[in-house]
Amino acid sequence: MNALTLQWHDAGRDNTQNIYEQQASKNPGTVRIGRDPLRCDVVLSNPTVSGLHIEIFFHPQQQRFYVRNLRSQNPPLVDGRQLVQGEMPLAEGTSISLGQIQLKVTSISTDNIPATILMPPQPPANNPHSPANIGHQHHHHSPTPPTPPPGVYALKCPRCQKVSPPENLQIGCPWCGTSLAAAVSVLVAPGS
């Protein structure tokens, strides 16, 4: 199993936290770190840390852990370099400063086995030149990404407000391309 170990000193105590590739969290696929216990999986008490500051996630294609900034007004320092937007890979010994708190990556263990990505069956493309479609005229405008089934959690795009399945977290909004890292998690009600 892919795992990363963080150590830090906060409120007079030394802390250690293991972060796993597939661990349960408030935002599936990532571990969020900040001061707000309602939104964060790792809660820091120092007032210089933002409510929702960063998230750490494992990138299966790259076989590496990354840190992503969630607070543009209070960016973290990763090995002394400001991470204003985007993400940076983490390595053993990496230092992450959130305000006055310094997190240290003390170990990383990865399986180094390429992940198998299972894709649901895709419907045949609307290719007007394919043998199945010759003689048929399709008046099809731009494709509409599927909306998630009712009764499940989904992500609401912070820019266009459209709702997409949580699988799009790493890809981004299928409508406008915005990163879904800061998307609000919503429950899709039956009949919507």
N, C-alpha and C. Protein backbone atom coordinates (compact mmCIF):
# COMPACT_ATOMS: atom_id res chain seq x y z
N MET A 1 0.84 -1.19 0.00
CA MET A 1 0.00 0.00 0.00
C MET A 1 0.88 1.24 0.00
N ASN A 2 0.49 2.24 -0.76
CA ASN A 2 1.23 3.49 -0.84
C ASN A 2 0.90 4.34 0.39
N ALA A 3 1.96 4.81 1.07
CA ALA A 3 1.75 5.57 2.30
C ALA A 3 2.82 6.65 2.43
N LEU A 4 2.44 7.72 3.14
CA LEU A 4 3.34 8.84 3.40
C LEU A 4 3.20 9.15 4.88
N THR A 5 4.31 9.45 5.56
CA THR A 5 4.27 9.79 6.98
C THR A 5 4.67 11.25 7.17
N LEU A 6 3.82 12.00 7.88
CA LEU A 6 4.08 13.41 8.20
C LEU A 6 4.38 13.53 9.69
N GLN A 7 5.32 14.42 10.06
CA GLN A 7 5.55 14.74 11.46
C GLN A 7 5.55 16.26 11.60
N TRP A 8 5.03 16.74 12.75
CA TRP A 8 5.02 18.18 13.02
C TRP A 8 4.86 18.40 14.51
N HIS A 9 5.11 19.65 14.93
CA HIS A 9 4.96 20.06 16.32
C HIS A 9 3.88 21.14 16.36
N ASP A 10 2.84 20.91 17.18
CA ASP A 10 1.73 21.87 17.26
C ASP A 10 1.17 21.82 18.68
N ALA A 11 0.88 22.96 19.25
CA ALA A 11 0.27 23.08 20.58
C ALA A 11 1.08 22.31 21.63
N GLY A 12 2.41 22.39 21.53
CA GLY A 12 3.28 21.78 22.53
C GLY A 12 3.43 20.27 22.40
N ARG A 13 2.91 19.69 21.31
CA ARG A 13 3.00 18.23 21.15
C ARG A 13 3.63 17.87 19.81
N ASP A 14 4.39 16.76 19.81
CA ASP A 14 4.90 16.20 18.56
C ASP A 14 3.82 15.28 18.00
N ASN A 15 3.55 15.39 16.71
CA ASN A 15 2.49 14.61 16.07
C ASN A 15 3.05 13.85 14.87
N THR A 16 2.49 12.67 14.64
CA THR A 16 2.83 11.88 13.47
C THR A 16 1.53 11.40 12.85
N GLN A 17 1.44 11.47 11.54
CA GLN A 17 0.22 11.04 10.84
C GLN A 17 0.62 10.29 9.57
N ASN A 18 0.06 9.09 9.40
CA ASN A 18 0.25 8.35 8.15
C ASN A 18 -0.88 8.71 7.20
N ILE A 19 -0.53 8.91 5.94
CA ILE A 19 -1.52 9.21 4.90
C ILE A 19 -1.42 8.09 3.88
N TYR A 20 -2.56 7.45 3.63
CA TYR A 20 -2.59 6.32 2.70
C TYR A 20 -3.29 6.71 1.41
N GLU A 21 -2.94 6.00 0.35
CA GLU A 21 -3.49 6.29 -0.98
C GLU A 21 -5.02 6.27 -0.97
N GLN A 22 -5.63 5.27 -0.37
CA GLN A 22 -7.09 5.10 -0.45
C GLN A 22 -7.76 5.25 0.91
N GLN A 23 -7.28 6.12 1.78
CA GLN A 23 -7.89 6.20 3.11
C GLN A 23 -9.18 7.00 3.07
N ALA A 24 -10.07 6.67 4.01
CA ALA A 24 -11.33 7.40 4.12
C ALA A 24 -11.01 8.84 4.52
N SER A 25 -11.69 9.79 3.90
CA SER A 25 -11.44 11.19 4.22
C SER A 25 -12.68 12.01 3.94
N LYS A 26 -12.64 13.29 4.33
CA LYS A 26 -13.77 14.19 4.10
C LYS A 26 -13.91 14.56 2.62
N ASN A 27 -12.83 14.38 1.85
CA ASN A 27 -12.84 14.63 0.41
C ASN A 27 -12.16 13.43 -0.24
N PRO A 28 -12.94 12.40 -0.64
CA PRO A 28 -12.36 11.14 -1.12
C PRO A 28 -11.26 11.35 -2.15
N GLY A 29 -10.16 10.62 -1.95
CA GLY A 29 -9.03 10.72 -2.87
C GLY A 29 -7.95 11.66 -2.38
N THR A 30 -8.26 12.47 -1.36
CA THR A 30 -7.27 13.41 -0.83
C THR A 30 -7.35 13.41 0.69
N VAL A 31 -6.31 13.92 1.33
CA VAL A 31 -6.32 14.17 2.77
C VAL A 31 -6.11 15.67 2.93
N ARG A 32 -7.10 16.32 3.53
CA ARG A 32 -7.06 17.77 3.67
C ARG A 32 -6.51 18.16 5.03
N ILE A 33 -5.68 19.21 5.02
CA ILE A 33 -5.01 19.67 6.23
C ILE A 33 -5.30 21.15 6.44
N GLY A 34 -5.68 21.51 7.67
CA GLY A 34 -5.96 22.90 8.02
C GLY A 34 -6.47 22.98 9.44
N ARG A 35 -7.10 24.11 9.77
CA ARG A 35 -7.56 24.36 11.13
C ARG A 35 -9.02 23.94 11.35
N ASP A 36 -9.80 23.80 10.29
CA ASP A 36 -11.24 23.55 10.41
C ASP A 36 -11.53 22.04 10.53
N PRO A 37 -11.98 21.58 11.70
CA PRO A 37 -12.22 20.15 11.88
C PRO A 37 -13.39 19.61 11.04
N LEU A 38 -14.26 20.49 10.56
CA LEU A 38 -15.37 20.03 9.73
C LEU A 38 -14.94 19.71 8.30
N ARG A 39 -13.87 20.37 7.83
CA ARG A 39 -13.43 20.17 6.44
C ARG A 39 -12.09 19.44 6.32
N CYS A 40 -11.36 19.29 7.43
CA CYS A 40 -10.00 18.75 7.35
C CYS A 40 -9.89 17.39 8.03
N ASP A 41 -9.02 16.56 7.48
CA ASP A 41 -8.74 15.24 8.04
C ASP A 41 -7.60 15.32 9.05
N VAL A 42 -6.66 16.23 8.82
CA VAL A 42 -5.57 16.50 9.77
C VAL A 42 -5.79 17.93 10.24
N VAL A 43 -6.09 18.08 11.54
CA VAL A 43 -6.46 19.40 12.09
C VAL A 43 -5.28 19.96 12.89
N LEU A 44 -4.89 21.19 12.52
CA LEU A 44 -3.83 21.91 13.22
C LEU A 44 -4.47 23.05 14.00
N SER A 45 -3.90 23.40 15.16
CA SER A 45 -4.55 24.42 15.99
C SER A 45 -3.94 25.80 15.85
N ASN A 46 -2.76 25.92 15.25
CA ASN A 46 -2.08 27.21 15.17
C ASN A 46 -2.89 28.21 14.35
N PRO A 47 -3.10 29.44 14.86
CA PRO A 47 -3.94 30.43 14.15
C PRO A 47 -3.35 30.91 12.83
N THR A 48 -2.07 30.66 12.55
CA THR A 48 -1.49 31.08 11.27
C THR A 48 -1.81 30.09 10.14
N VAL A 49 -2.43 28.95 10.50
CA VAL A 49 -2.84 27.95 9.51
C VAL A 49 -4.26 28.29 9.06
N SER A 50 -4.52 28.23 7.76
CA SER A 50 -5.86 28.51 7.23
C SER A 50 -6.83 27.39 7.60
N GLY A 51 -8.13 27.72 7.58
CA GLY A 51 -9.17 26.74 7.89
C GLY A 51 -9.05 25.50 7.02
N LEU A 52 -8.91 25.71 5.72
CA LEU A 52 -8.68 24.62 4.75
C LEU A 52 -7.45 25.05 3.97
N HIS A 53 -6.30 24.43 4.25
CA HIS A 53 -5.03 24.98 3.75
C HIS A 53 -4.47 24.20 2.56
N ILE A 54 -4.24 22.89 2.73
CA ILE A 54 -3.66 22.07 1.65
C ILE A 54 -4.35 20.72 1.62
N GLU A 55 -4.10 19.99 0.55
CA GLU A 55 -4.49 18.59 0.53
C GLU A 55 -3.33 17.79 -0.06
N ILE A 56 -3.21 16.55 0.42
CA ILE A 56 -2.19 15.63 -0.07
C ILE A 56 -2.92 14.47 -0.72
N PHE A 57 -2.43 14.05 -1.90
CA PHE A 57 -3.08 12.96 -2.61
C PHE A 57 -2.04 12.13 -3.34
N PHE A 58 -2.41 10.89 -3.65
CA PHE A 58 -1.53 10.00 -4.39
C PHE A 58 -1.95 9.98 -5.84
N HIS A 59 -1.01 10.22 -6.75
CA HIS A 59 -1.29 10.25 -8.19
C HIS A 59 -0.92 8.88 -8.75
N PRO A 60 -1.93 8.03 -9.11
CA PRO A 60 -1.64 6.66 -9.51
C PRO A 60 -0.77 6.54 -10.77
N GLN A 61 -0.95 7.44 -11.74
CA GLN A 61 -0.14 7.34 -12.96
C GLN A 61 1.31 7.70 -12.68
N GLN A 62 1.53 8.70 -11.83
CA GLN A 62 2.90 9.13 -11.52
C GLN A 62 3.53 8.29 -10.40
N GLN A 63 2.67 7.53 -9.68
CA GLN A 63 3.13 6.73 -8.53
C GLN A 63 3.85 7.60 -7.50
N ARG A 64 3.27 8.80 -7.24
CA ARG A 64 3.86 9.73 -6.28
C ARG A 64 2.77 10.42 -5.49
N PHE A 65 3.14 10.88 -4.29
CA PHE A 65 2.26 11.74 -3.51
C PHE A 65 2.51 13.19 -3.92
N TYR A 66 1.45 13.98 -3.91
CA TYR A 66 1.54 15.41 -4.25
C TYR A 66 0.85 16.23 -3.18
N VAL A 67 1.25 17.50 -3.07
CA VAL A 67 0.57 18.47 -2.22
C VAL A 67 -0.07 19.51 -3.13
N ARG A 68 -1.31 19.91 -2.79
CA ARG A 68 -2.03 20.92 -3.57
C ARG A 68 -2.45 22.03 -2.62
N ASN A 69 -2.20 23.28 -3.01
CA ASN A 69 -2.60 24.44 -2.23
C ASN A 69 -4.10 24.70 -2.39
N LEU A 70 -4.79 24.95 -1.28
CA LEU A 70 -6.22 25.27 -1.32
C LEU A 70 -6.48 26.69 -0.82
N ARG A 71 -5.42 27.44 -0.56
CA ARG A 71 -5.60 28.78 0.04
C ARG A 71 -4.65 29.76 -0.62
N SER A 72 -5.12 30.43 -1.69
CA SER A 72 -4.23 31.31 -2.46
C SER A 72 -3.75 32.51 -1.63
N GLN A 73 -4.54 32.97 -0.63
CA GLN A 73 -4.13 34.14 0.15
C GLN A 73 -3.08 33.77 1.21
N ASN A 74 -2.88 32.47 1.49
CA ASN A 74 -1.94 32.04 2.52
C ASN A 74 -1.22 30.80 2.01
N PRO A 75 -0.44 30.94 0.90
CA PRO A 75 0.13 29.76 0.27
C PRO A 75 1.17 29.05 1.15
N PRO A 76 1.22 27.72 1.05
CA PRO A 76 2.24 26.99 1.81
C PRO A 76 3.62 27.17 1.17
N LEU A 77 4.65 26.93 1.95
CA LEU A 77 6.01 26.87 1.43
C LEU A 77 6.39 25.39 1.39
N VAL A 78 6.81 24.92 0.22
CA VAL A 78 7.25 23.54 0.06
C VAL A 78 8.75 23.60 -0.21
N ASP A 79 9.54 23.12 0.75
CA ASP A 79 11.01 23.22 0.68
C ASP A 79 11.43 24.66 0.38
N GLY A 80 10.76 25.63 1.04
CA GLY A 80 11.13 27.03 0.91
C GLY A 80 10.56 27.73 -0.30
N ARG A 81 9.86 26.99 -1.19
CA ARG A 81 9.28 27.61 -2.39
C ARG A 81 7.77 27.76 -2.20
N GLN A 82 7.26 28.96 -2.50
CA GLN A 82 5.83 29.22 -2.34
C GLN A 82 5.03 28.44 -3.39
N LEU A 83 4.01 27.71 -2.92
CA LEU A 83 3.11 26.98 -3.81
C LEU A 83 1.80 27.76 -3.87
N VAL A 84 1.68 28.65 -4.87
CA VAL A 84 0.50 29.51 -4.96
C VAL A 84 -0.65 28.75 -5.60
N GLN A 85 -0.39 28.04 -6.69
CA GLN A 85 -1.45 27.25 -7.33
C GLN A 85 -0.85 25.99 -7.91
N GLY A 86 -1.73 25.02 -8.21
CA GLY A 86 -1.25 23.76 -8.75
C GLY A 86 -0.79 22.84 -7.63
N GLU A 87 0.08 21.89 -7.99
CA GLU A 87 0.55 20.93 -7.01
C GLU A 87 2.03 20.65 -7.21
N MET A 88 2.64 20.10 -6.16
CA MET A 88 4.06 19.76 -6.21
C MET A 88 4.23 18.34 -5.69
N PRO A 89 5.17 17.58 -6.30
CA PRO A 89 5.42 16.22 -5.80
C PRO A 89 6.13 16.27 -4.44
N LEU A 90 5.88 15.25 -3.63
CA LEU A 90 6.50 15.16 -2.31
C LEU A 90 7.55 14.04 -2.30
N ALA A 91 8.60 14.24 -1.52
CA ALA A 91 9.64 13.23 -1.37
C ALA A 91 10.00 13.14 0.11
N GLU A 92 10.70 12.07 0.48
CA GLU A 92 11.16 11.97 1.87
C GLU A 92 12.03 13.17 2.17
N GLY A 93 11.80 13.80 3.33
CA GLY A 93 12.58 14.98 3.71
C GLY A 93 11.94 16.30 3.30
N THR A 94 10.88 16.25 2.47
CA THR A 94 10.21 17.50 2.06
C THR A 94 9.63 18.19 3.28
N SER A 95 9.79 19.51 3.31
CA SER A 95 9.25 20.33 4.39
C SER A 95 8.10 21.18 3.83
N ILE A 96 6.95 21.18 4.54
CA ILE A 96 5.79 21.97 4.12
C ILE A 96 5.46 22.93 5.27
N SER A 97 5.55 24.24 5.00
CA SER A 97 5.24 25.23 6.03
C SER A 97 3.85 25.80 5.78
N LEU A 98 2.99 25.64 6.80
CA LEU A 98 1.64 26.22 6.78
C LEU A 98 1.64 27.28 7.88
N GLY A 99 1.75 28.55 7.48
CA GLY A 99 1.89 29.59 8.50
C GLY A 99 3.15 29.30 9.31
N GLN A 100 2.98 29.20 10.65
CA GLN A 100 4.14 28.94 11.52
C GLN A 100 4.34 27.45 11.82
N ILE A 101 3.51 26.59 11.26
CA ILE A 101 3.65 25.15 11.49
C ILE A 101 4.43 24.53 10.34
N GLN A 102 5.42 23.70 10.70
CA GLN A 102 6.22 23.02 9.67
C GLN A 102 5.95 21.52 9.74
N LEU A 103 5.44 20.99 8.61
CA LEU A 103 5.21 19.56 8.46
C LEU A 103 6.42 18.98 7.74
N LYS A 104 6.86 17.81 8.16
CA LYS A 104 8.02 17.16 7.53
C LYS A 104 7.59 15.78 7.03
N VAL A 105 7.88 15.49 5.75
CA VAL A 105 7.62 14.15 5.20
C VAL A 105 8.77 13.28 5.65
N THR A 106 8.51 12.34 6.58
CA THR A 106 9.60 11.53 7.14
C THR A 106 9.77 10.21 6.39
N SER A 107 8.72 9.72 5.74
CA SER A 107 8.88 8.51 4.93
C SER A 107 7.78 8.41 3.90
N ILE A 108 8.12 7.76 2.80
CA ILE A 108 7.15 7.47 1.74
C ILE A 108 7.41 6.04 1.31
N SER A 109 6.35 5.24 1.27
CA SER A 109 6.51 3.89 0.72
C SER A 109 5.49 3.74 -0.40
N THR A 110 5.98 3.33 -1.57
CA THR A 110 5.09 3.12 -2.71
C THR A 110 5.30 1.70 -3.23
N ASP A 111 4.24 1.16 -3.79
CA ASP A 111 4.28 -0.19 -4.33
C ASP A 111 5.05 -0.24 -5.64
N ASN A 112 5.09 0.89 -6.35
CA ASN A 112 5.70 0.95 -7.69
C ASN A 112 5.11 -0.06 -8.64
N ILE A 113 3.83 -0.35 -8.44
CA ILE A 113 3.10 -1.20 -9.37
C ILE A 113 2.15 -0.28 -10.11
N PRO A 114 2.23 -0.21 -11.43
CA PRO A 114 1.33 0.69 -12.14
C PRO A 114 -0.13 0.35 -11.83
N ALA A 115 -0.90 1.38 -11.61
CA ALA A 115 -2.32 1.18 -11.28
C ALA A 115 -3.08 0.73 -12.52
N THR A 116 -4.04 -0.14 -12.32
CA THR A 116 -4.93 -0.54 -13.40
C THR A 116 -6.14 0.37 -13.32
N ILE A 117 -6.42 1.06 -14.39
CA ILE A 117 -7.55 1.98 -14.40
C ILE A 117 -8.70 1.30 -15.11
N LEU A 118 -9.78 1.08 -14.38
CA LEU A 118 -10.96 0.45 -14.97
C LEU A 118 -11.89 1.53 -15.47
N MET A 119 -12.21 1.46 -16.73
CA MET A 119 -13.11 2.44 -17.33
C MET A 119 -14.44 1.77 -17.63
N PRO A 120 -15.57 2.44 -17.36
CA PRO A 120 -16.85 1.85 -17.74
C PRO A 120 -16.95 1.76 -19.25
N PRO A 121 -17.75 0.82 -19.76
CA PRO A 121 -17.89 0.72 -21.22
C PRO A 121 -18.37 2.04 -21.80
N GLN A 122 -17.79 2.43 -22.91
CA GLN A 122 -18.15 3.70 -23.54
C GLN A 122 -19.14 3.44 -24.67
N PRO A 123 -20.18 4.29 -24.79
CA PRO A 123 -21.10 4.13 -25.92
C PRO A 123 -20.36 4.42 -27.23
N PRO A 124 -20.80 3.84 -28.34
CA PRO A 124 -20.13 4.10 -29.61
C PRO A 124 -20.19 5.59 -29.94
N ALA A 125 -19.13 6.10 -30.51
CA ALA A 125 -19.07 7.53 -30.85
C ALA A 125 -20.05 7.82 -31.98
N ASN A 126 -20.57 9.02 -32.00
CA ASN A 126 -21.47 9.44 -33.08
C ASN A 126 -20.63 9.88 -34.27
N ASN A 127 -20.04 8.92 -34.95
CA ASN A 127 -19.21 9.22 -36.11
C ASN A 127 -20.09 9.09 -37.35
N PRO A 128 -20.36 10.20 -38.05
CA PRO A 128 -21.27 10.13 -39.20
C PRO A 128 -20.72 9.26 -40.33
N HIS A 129 -19.42 8.96 -40.32
CA HIS A 129 -18.82 8.17 -41.39
C HIS A 129 -18.71 6.69 -41.05
N SER A 130 -19.11 6.28 -39.84
CA SER A 130 -19.02 4.87 -39.50
C SER A 130 -20.12 4.12 -40.26
N PRO A 131 -19.88 2.82 -40.57
CA PRO A 131 -20.88 2.07 -41.34
C PRO A 131 -22.27 2.08 -40.70
N ALA A 132 -22.34 2.09 -39.37
CA ALA A 132 -23.64 2.04 -38.70
C ALA A 132 -24.43 3.33 -38.90
N ASN A 133 -23.73 4.43 -39.22
CA ASN A 133 -24.42 5.72 -39.30
C ASN A 133 -24.55 6.26 -40.71
N ILE A 134 -24.09 5.54 -41.71
CA ILE A 134 -24.21 6.03 -43.08
C ILE A 134 -25.70 6.05 -43.44
N GLY A 135 -26.13 7.16 -44.01
CA GLY A 135 -27.54 7.30 -44.38
C GLY A 135 -28.39 7.89 -43.27
N HIS A 136 -27.86 8.00 -42.07
CA HIS A 136 -28.61 8.60 -40.96
C HIS A 136 -28.02 9.98 -40.68
N GLN A 137 -28.86 10.96 -40.56
CA GLN A 137 -28.39 12.30 -40.22
C GLN A 137 -28.58 12.51 -38.72
N HIS A 138 -27.53 12.92 -38.06
CA HIS A 138 -27.61 13.21 -36.62
C HIS A 138 -27.47 14.72 -36.43
N HIS A 139 -28.44 15.29 -35.77
CA HIS A 139 -28.34 16.71 -35.43
C HIS A 139 -27.94 16.78 -33.96
N HIS A 140 -26.69 16.44 -33.71
CA HIS A 140 -26.22 16.35 -32.34
C HIS A 140 -25.26 17.51 -32.07
N HIS A 141 -25.59 18.28 -31.05
CA HIS A 141 -24.73 19.40 -30.69
C HIS A 141 -23.60 18.88 -29.82
N SER A 142 -23.03 19.72 -28.99
CA SER A 142 -21.91 19.27 -28.16
C SER A 142 -22.39 18.19 -27.19
N PRO A 143 -21.53 17.19 -26.92
CA PRO A 143 -21.95 16.12 -26.02
C PRO A 143 -22.14 16.66 -24.61
N THR A 144 -23.10 16.11 -23.90
CA THR A 144 -23.36 16.52 -22.53
C THR A 144 -22.78 15.48 -21.60
N PRO A 145 -21.86 15.87 -20.70
CA PRO A 145 -21.32 14.89 -19.77
C PRO A 145 -22.45 14.31 -18.91
N PRO A 146 -22.32 13.06 -18.50
CA PRO A 146 -23.39 12.45 -17.72
C PRO A 146 -23.51 13.09 -16.35
N THR A 147 -24.74 13.18 -15.86
CA THR A 147 -24.92 13.66 -14.50
C THR A 147 -24.93 12.43 -13.60
N PRO A 148 -24.46 12.58 -12.37
CA PRO A 148 -24.40 11.42 -11.48
C PRO A 148 -25.79 10.91 -11.13
N PRO A 149 -25.92 9.62 -10.82
CA PRO A 149 -27.22 9.07 -10.45
C PRO A 149 -27.70 9.67 -9.14
N PRO A 150 -29.03 9.70 -8.90
CA PRO A 150 -29.56 10.27 -7.66
C PRO A 150 -29.13 9.48 -6.43
N GLY A 151 -29.03 10.18 -5.30
CA GLY A 151 -28.71 9.54 -4.03
C GLY A 151 -27.23 9.31 -3.82
N VAL A 152 -26.36 9.94 -4.63
CA VAL A 152 -24.92 9.80 -4.44
C VAL A 152 -24.28 11.18 -4.33
N TYR A 153 -23.07 11.19 -3.81
CA TYR A 153 -22.34 12.46 -3.71
C TYR A 153 -21.72 12.80 -5.04
N ALA A 154 -21.66 14.08 -5.33
CA ALA A 154 -21.08 14.57 -6.57
C ALA A 154 -20.35 15.87 -6.26
N LEU A 155 -19.67 16.41 -7.28
CA LEU A 155 -18.90 17.63 -7.10
C LEU A 155 -19.53 18.78 -7.89
N LYS A 156 -19.72 19.92 -7.22
CA LYS A 156 -20.29 21.10 -7.87
C LYS A 156 -19.15 22.03 -8.24
N CYS A 157 -19.00 22.31 -9.53
CA CYS A 157 -17.91 23.13 -10.04
C CYS A 157 -17.96 24.54 -9.42
N PRO A 158 -16.81 25.02 -8.91
CA PRO A 158 -16.81 26.36 -8.32
C PRO A 158 -17.01 27.47 -9.35
N ARG A 159 -16.77 27.19 -10.66
CA ARG A 159 -16.92 28.23 -11.67
C ARG A 159 -18.30 28.19 -12.31
N CYS A 160 -18.66 27.05 -12.94
CA CYS A 160 -19.92 27.01 -13.71
C CYS A 160 -21.10 26.43 -12.91
N GLN A 161 -20.84 25.92 -11.70
CA GLN A 161 -21.86 25.40 -10.79
C GLN A 161 -22.52 24.11 -11.28
N LYS A 162 -22.01 23.49 -12.37
CA LYS A 162 -22.59 22.23 -12.83
C LYS A 162 -22.06 21.10 -11.97
N VAL A 163 -22.87 20.04 -11.83
CA VAL A 163 -22.55 18.93 -10.94
C VAL A 163 -22.03 17.76 -11.78
N SER A 164 -20.90 17.19 -11.35
CA SER A 164 -20.34 16.05 -12.07
C SER A 164 -19.93 14.97 -11.08
N PRO A 165 -19.74 13.73 -11.57
CA PRO A 165 -19.40 12.61 -10.68
C PRO A 165 -18.04 12.83 -10.02
N PRO A 166 -17.82 12.23 -8.83
CA PRO A 166 -16.56 12.43 -8.11
C PRO A 166 -15.34 11.89 -8.87
N GLU A 167 -15.56 11.00 -9.85
CA GLU A 167 -14.44 10.49 -10.64
C GLU A 167 -13.74 11.62 -11.39
N ASN A 168 -14.43 12.76 -11.59
CA ASN A 168 -13.86 13.88 -12.33
C ASN A 168 -12.92 14.74 -11.48
N LEU A 169 -12.71 14.37 -10.20
CA LEU A 169 -11.86 15.17 -9.32
C LEU A 169 -10.49 15.39 -9.93
N GLN A 170 -9.86 14.34 -10.45
CA GLN A 170 -8.51 14.46 -11.00
C GLN A 170 -8.52 15.09 -12.39
N ILE A 171 -9.66 14.98 -13.11
CA ILE A 171 -9.74 15.43 -14.50
C ILE A 171 -10.11 16.90 -14.59
N GLY A 172 -11.05 17.32 -13.74
CA GLY A 172 -11.55 18.69 -13.79
C GLY A 172 -12.98 18.70 -14.32
N CYS A 173 -13.59 19.87 -14.31
CA CYS A 173 -14.99 20.01 -14.75
C CYS A 173 -15.09 19.70 -16.24
N PRO A 174 -16.00 18.76 -16.63
CA PRO A 174 -16.13 18.43 -18.05
C PRO A 174 -16.76 19.56 -18.87
N TRP A 175 -17.38 20.53 -18.22
CA TRP A 175 -18.03 21.63 -18.95
C TRP A 175 -17.07 22.80 -19.18
N CYS A 176 -16.38 23.24 -18.12
CA CYS A 176 -15.56 24.43 -18.27
C CYS A 176 -14.07 24.19 -18.02
N GLY A 177 -13.70 22.98 -17.58
CA GLY A 177 -12.29 22.64 -17.40
C GLY A 177 -11.68 23.10 -16.09
N THR A 178 -12.46 23.71 -15.21
CA THR A 178 -11.95 24.19 -13.93
C THR A 178 -11.55 23.01 -13.04
N SER A 179 -10.50 23.18 -12.26
CA SER A 179 -10.10 22.15 -11.30
C SER A 179 -11.22 21.97 -10.28
N LEU A 180 -11.49 20.71 -9.93
CA LEU A 180 -12.54 20.42 -8.95
C LEU A 180 -11.97 20.24 -7.55
N ALA A 181 -10.70 20.65 -7.34
CA ALA A 181 -10.08 20.52 -6.02
C ALA A 181 -10.85 21.31 -4.97
N ALA A 182 -11.40 22.45 -5.36
CA ALA A 182 -12.14 23.30 -4.41
C ALA A 182 -13.64 23.15 -4.59
N ALA A 183 -14.07 22.11 -5.32
CA ALA A 183 -15.50 21.92 -5.57
C ALA A 183 -16.23 21.56 -4.28
N VAL A 184 -17.48 21.96 -4.21
CA VAL A 184 -18.32 21.62 -3.08
C VAL A 184 -18.89 20.23 -3.35
N SER A 185 -18.88 19.39 -2.34
CA SER A 185 -19.47 18.05 -2.44
C SER A 185 -20.97 18.20 -2.18
N VAL A 186 -21.79 17.67 -3.09
CA VAL A 186 -23.24 17.79 -2.96
C VAL A 186 -23.88 16.42 -3.08
N LEU A 187 -25.03 16.24 -2.43
CA LEU A 187 -25.78 15.00 -2.55
C LEU A 187 -26.82 15.19 -3.64
N VAL A 188 -26.78 14.33 -4.66
CA VAL A 188 -27.74 14.44 -5.76
C VAL A 188 -29.05 13.81 -5.30
N ALA A 189 -30.10 14.61 -5.25
CA ALA A 189 -31.38 14.13 -4.76
C ALA A 189 -32.09 13.31 -5.83
N PRO A 190 -32.84 12.26 -5.41
CA PRO A 190 -33.62 11.48 -6.39
C PRO A 190 -34.57 12.39 -7.16
N GLY A 191 -34.68 12.15 -8.45
CA GLY A 191 -35.60 12.94 -9.28
C GLY A 191 -35.00 14.23 -9.78
N SER A 192 -33.68 14.46 -9.55
CA SER A 192 -33.11 15.73 -10.06
C SER A 192 -32.35 15.47 -11.34
